[in-house]
Amino acid sequence: MLKRIMARGSALAIAILLLSSIPADAGSEVGDVAPALNAGGWINIDTNTSWDSLQGKLILIEKWATW
């Protein structure tokens, strides 16, 4: 009885781990138009910046999350 419970629990844990590792759709593809910039802060650039004003310039965008 205990072995059956352990086997089912292990199978459930493995299934949950496998399902949680499936990548989610990021919502964009290569070649899509970039969304509007809503930055929290800029370094060495005007605060009223758009993608058009950055055309032809080298930029570094650092993105991170706290979750």
PDB file of N, CA and C in Angstrom:
ATOM      1  N   MET A   1       0.829  -1.193   0.000  1.00  0.00           N
ATOM      2  CA  MET A   1       0.000   0.000   0.000  1.00  0.00           C
ATOM      3  C   MET A   1       0.870   1.252   0.000  1.00  0.00           C
ATOM      4  N   LEU A   2       1.882   1.272   0.875  1.00  0.00           N
ATOM      5  CA  LEU A   2       2.770   2.429   0.959  1.00  0.00           C
ATOM      6  C   LEU A   2       3.573   2.593  -0.327  1.00  0.00           C
ATOM      7  N   LYS A   3       3.986   1.472  -0.928  1.00  0.00           N
ATOM      8  CA  LYS A   3       4.743   1.536  -2.183  1.00  0.00           C
ATOM      9  C   LYS A   3       3.886   2.124  -3.300  1.00  0.00           C
ATOM     10  N   ARG A   4       2.603   1.768  -3.320  1.00  0.00           N
ATOM     11  CA  ARG A   4       1.698   2.279  -4.340  1.00  0.00           C
ATOM     12  C   ARG A   4       1.512   3.789  -4.177  1.00  0.00           C
ATOM     13  N   ILE A   5       1.368   4.243  -2.944  1.00  0.00           N
ATOM     14  CA  ILE A   5       1.219   5.679  -2.678  1.00  0.00           C
ATOM     15  C   ILE A   5       2.484   6.427  -3.080  1.00  0.00           C
ATOM     16  N   MET A   6       3.639   5.861  -2.739  1.00  0.00           N
ATOM     17  CA  MET A   6       4.916   6.493  -3.101  1.00  0.00           C
ATOM     18  C   MET A   6       5.096   6.531  -4.620  1.00  0.00           C
ATOM     19  N   ALA A   7       4.705   5.467  -5.307  1.00  0.00           N
ATOM     20  CA  ALA A   7       4.838   5.417  -6.765  1.00  0.00           C
ATOM     21  C   ALA A   7       3.939   6.458  -7.421  1.00  0.00           C
ATOM     22  N   ARG A   8       2.705   6.578  -6.948  1.00  0.00           N
ATOM     23  CA  ARG A   8       1.789   7.574  -7.505  1.00  0.00           C
ATOM     24  C   ARG A   8       2.267   8.994  -7.204  1.00  0.00           C
ATOM     25  N   GLY A   9       2.763   9.198  -5.995  1.00  0.00           N
ATOM     26  CA  GLY A   9       3.285  10.518  -5.635  1.00  0.00           C
ATOM     27  C   GLY A   9       4.496  10.889  -6.475  1.00  0.00           C
ATOM     28  N   SER A  10       5.367   9.923  -6.706  1.00  0.00           N
ATOM     29  CA  SER A  10       6.545  10.171  -7.535  1.00  0.00           C
ATOM     30  C   SER A  10       6.142  10.459  -8.975  1.00  0.00           C
ATOM     31  N   ALA A  11       5.187   9.698  -9.497  1.00  0.00           N
ATOM     32  CA  ALA A  11       4.716   9.922 -10.865  1.00  0.00           C
ATOM     33  C   ALA A  11       4.077  11.299 -10.996  1.00  0.00           C
ATOM     34  N   LEU A  12       3.313  11.697 -10.000  1.00  0.00           N
ATOM     35  CA  LEU A  12       2.688  13.017 -10.015  1.00  0.00           C
ATOM     36  C   LEU A  12       3.741  14.116  -9.966  1.00  0.00           C
ATOM     37  N   ALA A  13       4.750  13.962  -9.128  1.00  0.00           N
ATOM     38  CA  ALA A  13       5.817  14.958  -9.024  1.00  0.00           C
ATOM     39  C   ALA A  13       6.582  15.078 -10.339  1.00  0.00           C
ATOM     40  N   ILE A  14       6.869  13.952 -10.974  1.00  0.00           N
ATOM     41  CA  ILE A  14       7.573  13.975 -12.261  1.00  0.00           C
ATOM     42  C   ILE A  14       6.710  14.644 -13.326  1.00  0.00           C
ATOM     43  N   ALA A  15       5.416  14.331 -13.339  1.00  0.00           N
ATOM     44  CA  ALA A  15       4.516  14.947 -14.316  1.00  0.00           C
ATOM     45  C   ALA A  15       4.454  16.456 -14.129  1.00  0.00           C
ATOM     46  N   ILE A  16       4.388  16.910 -12.893  1.00  0.00           N
ATOM     47  CA  ILE A  16       4.347  18.351 -12.620  1.00  0.00           C
ATOM     48  C   ILE A  16       5.638  19.015 -13.073  1.00  0.00           C
ATOM     49  N   LEU A  17       6.771  18.396 -12.792  1.00  0.00           N
ATOM     50  CA  LEU A  17       8.055  18.958 -13.220  1.00  0.00           C
ATOM     51  C   LEU A  17       8.158  19.024 -14.738  1.00  0.00           C
ATOM     52  N   LEU A  18       7.721  17.975 -15.416  1.00  0.00           N
ATOM     53  CA  LEU A  18       7.783  17.975 -16.877  1.00  0.00           C
ATOM     54  C   LEU A  18       6.853  19.022 -17.477  1.00  0.00           C
ATOM     55  N   LEU A  19       5.657  19.142 -16.949  1.00  0.00           N
ATOM     56  CA  LEU A  19       4.715  20.128 -17.474  1.00  0.00           C
ATOM     57  C   LEU A  19       5.164  21.558 -17.192  1.00  0.00           C
ATOM     58  N   SER A  20       5.829  21.777 -16.075  1.00  0.00           N
ATOM     59  CA  SER A  20       6.273  23.133 -15.756  1.00  0.00           C
ATOM     60  C   SER A  20       7.489  23.544 -16.577  1.00  0.00           C
ATOM     61  N   SER A  21       8.154  22.594 -17.219  1.00  0.00           N
ATOM     62  CA  SER A  21       9.327  22.930 -18.022  1.00  0.00           C
ATOM     63  C   SER A  21       8.981  23.227 -19.477  1.00  0.00           C
ATOM     64  N   ILE A  22       7.717  23.116 -19.855  1.00  0.00           N
ATOM     65  CA  ILE A  22       7.304  23.435 -21.221  1.00  0.00           C
ATOM     66  C   ILE A  22       7.405  24.945 -21.403  1.00  0.00           C
ATOM     67  N   PRO A  23       8.122  25.407 -22.424  1.00  0.00           N
ATOM     68  CA  PRO A  23       8.281  26.854 -22.607  1.00  0.00           C
ATOM     69  C   PRO A  23       6.957  27.517 -22.973  1.00  0.00           C
ATOM     70  N   ALA A  24       6.752  28.691 -22.422  1.00  0.00           N
ATOM     71  CA  ALA A  24       5.549  29.460 -22.713  1.00  0.00           C
ATOM     72  C   ALA A  24       5.786  30.312 -23.954  1.00  0.00           C
ATOM     73  N   ASP A  25       4.719  30.684 -24.623  1.00  0.00           N
ATOM     74  CA  ASP A  25       4.823  31.542 -25.798  1.00  0.00           C
ATOM     75  C   ASP A  25       5.235  32.940 -25.362  1.00  0.00           C
ATOM     76  N   ALA A  26       6.318  33.447 -25.921  1.00  0.00           N
ATOM     77  CA  ALA A  26       6.831  34.757 -25.534  1.00  0.00           C
ATOM     78  C   ALA A  26       5.998  35.886 -26.126  1.00  0.00           C
ATOM     79  N   GLY A  27       5.178  35.596 -27.112  1.00  0.00           N
ATOM     80  CA  GLY A  27       4.327  36.619 -27.686  1.00  0.00           C
ATOM     81  C   GLY A  27       4.959  37.387 -28.829  1.00  0.00           C
ATOM     82  N   SER A  28       6.171  37.056 -29.220  1.00  0.00           N
ATOM     83  CA  SER A  28       6.800  37.736 -30.351  1.00  0.00           C
ATOM     84  C   SER A  28       7.685  36.751 -31.097  1.00  0.00           C
ATOM     85  N   GLU A  29       7.922  37.061 -32.333  1.00  0.00           N
ATOM     86  CA  GLU A  29       8.743  36.222 -33.199  1.00  0.00           C
ATOM     87  C   GLU A  29       9.861  37.071 -33.783  1.00  0.00           C
ATOM     88  N   VAL A  30      10.881  36.418 -34.299  1.00  0.00           N
ATOM     89  CA  VAL A  30      11.975  37.124 -34.958  1.00  0.00           C
ATOM     90  C   VAL A  30      11.406  37.892 -36.142  1.00  0.00           C
ATOM     91  N   GLY A  31      11.756  39.166 -36.241  1.00  0.00           N
ATOM     92  CA  GLY A  31      11.279  40.007 -37.332  1.00  0.00           C
ATOM     93  C   GLY A  31      10.061  40.836 -36.979  1.00  0.00           C
ATOM     94  N   ASP A  32       9.439  40.589 -35.821  1.00  0.00           N
ATOM     95  CA  ASP A  32       8.298  41.402 -35.396  1.00  0.00           C
ATOM     96  C   ASP A  32       8.754  42.818 -35.073  1.00  0.00           C
ATOM     97  N   VAL A  33       7.847  43.765 -35.212  1.00  0.00           N
ATOM     98  CA  VAL A  33       8.133  45.149 -34.855  1.00  0.00           C
ATOM     99  C   VAL A  33       8.260  45.240 -33.340  1.00  0.00           C
ATOM    100  N   ALA A  34       9.270  45.960 -32.881  1.00  0.00           N
ATOM    101  CA  ALA A  34       9.500  46.103 -31.439  1.00  0.00           C
ATOM    102  C   ALA A  34       8.381  46.927 -30.801  1.00  0.00           C
ATOM    103  N   PRO A  35       7.998  46.607 -29.570  1.00  0.00           N
ATOM    104  CA  PRO A  35       6.967  47.391 -28.886  1.00  0.00           C
ATOM    105  C   PRO A  35       7.503  48.760 -28.475  1.00  0.00           C
ATOM    106  N   ALA A  36       6.605  49.642 -28.086  1.00  0.00           N
ATOM    107  CA  ALA A  36       7.010  50.982 -27.640  1.00  0.00           C
ATOM    108  C   ALA A  36       7.897  50.874 -26.406  1.00  0.00           C
ATOM    109  N   LEU A  37       8.827  51.810 -26.286  1.00  0.00           N
ATOM    110  CA  LEU A  37       9.731  51.823 -25.134  1.00  0.00           C
ATOM    111  C   LEU A  37       9.070  52.526 -23.959  1.00  0.00           C
ATOM    112  N   ASN A  38       9.027  51.862 -22.839  1.00  0.00           N
ATOM    113  CA  ASN A  38       8.548  52.453 -21.595  1.00  0.00           C
ATOM    114  C   ASN A  38       9.578  52.153 -20.523  1.00  0.00           C
ATOM    115  N   ALA A  39      10.701  52.829 -20.604  1.00  0.00           N
ATOM    116  CA  ALA A  39      11.823  52.528 -19.716  1.00  0.00           C
ATOM    117  C   ALA A  39      11.665  53.217 -18.373  1.00  0.00           C
ATOM    118  N   GLY A  40      12.201  52.570 -17.349  1.00  0.00           N
ATOM    119  CA  GLY A  40      12.195  53.155 -16.018  1.00  0.00           C
ATOM    120  C   GLY A  40      13.240  54.242 -15.869  1.00  0.00           C
ATOM    121  N   GLY A  41      14.255  54.203 -16.690  1.00  0.00           N
ATOM    122  CA  GLY A  41      15.301  55.212 -16.632  1.00  0.00           C
ATOM    123  C   GLY A  41      16.282  55.038 -17.772  1.00  0.00           C
ATOM    124  N   TRP A  42      16.877  56.129 -18.174  1.00  0.00           N
ATOM    125  CA  TRP A  42      17.840  56.123 -19.268  1.00  0.00           C
ATOM    126  C   TRP A  42      19.172  56.648 -18.758  1.00  0.00           C
ATOM    127  N   ILE A  43      20.241  56.177 -19.348  1.00  0.00           N
ATOM    128  CA  ILE A  43      21.575  56.687 -19.043  1.00  0.00           C
ATOM    129  C   ILE A  43      22.142  57.262 -20.333  1.00  0.00           C
ATOM    130  N   ASN A  44      22.587  58.508 -20.302  1.00  0.00           N
ATOM    131  CA  ASN A  44      23.204  59.186 -21.445  1.00  0.00           C
ATOM    132  C   ASN A  44      22.282  59.305 -22.652  1.00  0.00           C
ATOM    133  N   ILE A  45      20.993  59.534 -22.424  1.00  0.00           N
ATOM    134  CA  ILE A  45      20.041  59.668 -23.526  1.00  0.00           C
ATOM    135  C   ILE A  45      18.843  60.479 -23.041  1.00  0.00           C
ATOM    136  N   ASP A  46      18.149  61.137 -23.979  1.00  0.00           N
ATOM    137  CA  ASP A  46      16.958  61.912 -23.620  1.00  0.00           C
ATOM    138  C   ASP A  46      15.869  61.006 -23.053  1.00  0.00           C
ATOM    139  N   THR A  47      15.035  61.587 -22.215  1.00  0.00           N
ATOM    140  CA  THR A  47      13.933  60.805 -21.654  1.00  0.00           C
ATOM    141  C   THR A  47      12.819  60.591 -22.676  1.00  0.00           C
ATOM    142  N   ASN A  48      12.702  61.463 -23.663  1.00  0.00           N
ATOM    143  CA  ASN A  48      11.688  61.318 -24.716  1.00  0.00           C
ATOM    144  C   ASN A  48      12.304  60.596 -25.907  1.00  0.00           C
ATOM    145  N   THR A  49      12.558  59.316 -25.759  1.00  0.00           N
ATOM    146  CA  THR A  49      13.235  58.539 -26.784  1.00  0.00           C
ATOM    147  C   THR A  49      12.264  57.556 -27.419  1.00  0.00           C
ATOM    148  N   SER A  50      12.384  57.388 -28.727  1.00  0.00           N
ATOM    149  CA  SER A  50      11.572  56.416 -29.455  1.00  0.00           C
ATOM    150  C   SER A  50      12.500  55.514 -30.258  1.00  0.00           C
ATOM    151  N   TRP A  51      11.940  54.430 -30.787  1.00  0.00           N
ATOM    152  CA  TRP A  51      12.751  53.542 -31.618  1.00  0.00           C
ATOM    153  C   TRP A  51      13.283  54.279 -32.842  1.00  0.00           C
ATOM    154  N   ASP A  52      12.467  55.177 -33.412  1.00  0.00           N
ATOM    155  CA  ASP A  52      12.907  55.919 -34.598  1.00  0.00           C
ATOM    156  C   ASP A  52      14.134  56.767 -34.308  1.00  0.00           C
ATOM    157  N   SER A  53      14.202  57.374 -33.129  1.00  0.00           N
ATOM    158  CA  SER A  53      15.353  58.215 -32.798  1.00  0.00           C
ATOM    159  C   SER A  53      16.608  57.384 -32.524  1.00  0.00           C
ATOM    160  N   LEU A  54      16.443  56.090 -32.275  1.00  0.00           N
ATOM    161  CA  LEU A  54      17.590  55.215 -32.012  1.00  0.00           C
ATOM    162  C   LEU A  54      18.071  54.481 -33.265  1.00  0.00           C
ATOM    163  N   GLN A  55      17.401  54.697 -34.389  1.00  0.00           N
ATOM    164  CA  GLN A  55      17.766  54.002 -35.630  1.00  0.00           C
ATOM    165  C   GLN A  55      19.215  54.279 -36.001  1.00  0.00           C
ATOM    166  N   GLY A  56      19.977  53.219 -36.220  1.00  0.00           N
ATOM    167  CA  GLY A  56      21.369  53.338 -36.623  1.00  0.00           C
ATOM    168  C   GLY A  56      22.340  53.517 -35.471  1.00  0.00           C
ATOM    169  N   LYS A  57      21.839  53.550 -34.245  1.00  0.00           N
ATOM    170  CA  LYS A  57      22.703  53.724 -33.074  1.00  0.00           C
ATOM    171  C   LYS A  57      22.854  52.394 -32.345  1.00  0.00           C
ATOM    172  N   LEU A  58      23.993  52.229 -31.711  1.00  0.00           N
ATOM    173  CA  LEU A  58      24.234  51.045 -30.897  1.00  0.00           C
ATOM    174  C   LEU A  58      23.635  51.287 -29.517  1.00  0.00           C
ATOM    175  N   ILE A  59      22.749  50.399 -29.083  1.00  0.00           N
ATOM    176  CA  ILE A  59      22.121  50.553 -27.770  1.00  0.00           C
ATOM    177  C   ILE A  59      22.234  49.238 -27.003  1.00  0.00           C
ATOM    178  N   LEU A  60      22.214  49.329 -25.706  1.00  0.00           N
ATOM    179  CA  LEU A  60      22.213  48.160 -24.833  1.00  0.00           C
ATOM    180  C   LEU A  60      20.970  48.256 -23.962  1.00  0.00           C
ATOM    181  N   ILE A  61      20.141  47.247 -24.032  1.00  0.00           N
ATOM    182  CA  ILE A  61      18.925  47.206 -23.220  1.00  0.00           C
ATOM    183  C   ILE A  61      19.110  46.099 -22.193  1.00  0.00           C
ATOM    184  N   GLU A  62      19.082  46.470 -20.931  1.00  0.00           N
ATOM    185  CA  GLU A  62      19.204  45.484 -19.859  1.00  0.00           C
ATOM    186  C   GLU A  62      17.819  45.220 -19.297  1.00  0.00           C
ATOM    187  N   LYS A  63      17.413  43.971 -19.341  1.00  0.00           N
ATOM    188  CA  LYS A  63      16.093  43.588 -18.837  1.00  0.00           C
ATOM    189  C   LYS A  63      16.280  42.529 -17.769  1.00  0.00           C
ATOM    190  N   TRP A  64      15.542  42.653 -16.702  1.00  0.00           N
ATOM    191  CA  TRP A  64      15.571  41.634 -15.662  1.00  0.00           C
ATOM    192  C   TRP A  64      14.269  41.704 -14.883  1.00  0.00           C
ATOM    193  N   ALA A  65      13.980  40.649 -14.185  1.00  0.00           N
ATOM    194  CA  ALA A  65      12.753  40.573 -13.405  1.00  0.00           C
ATOM    195  C   ALA A  65      13.085  40.087 -11.998  1.00  0.00           C
ATOM    196  N   THR A  66      12.178  40.338 -11.081  1.00  0.00           N
ATOM    197  CA  THR A  66      12.434  39.995  -9.683  1.00  0.00           C
ATOM    198  C   THR A  66      11.655  38.781  -9.202  1.00  0.00           C
ATOM    199  N   TRP A  67      10.972  38.073 -10.111  1.00  0.00           N
ATOM    200  CA  TRP A  67      10.179  36.942  -9.635  1.00  0.00           C
ATOM    201  C   TRP A  67      10.995  35.750  -9.379  1.00  0.00           C
TER     202      TRP A  67
END
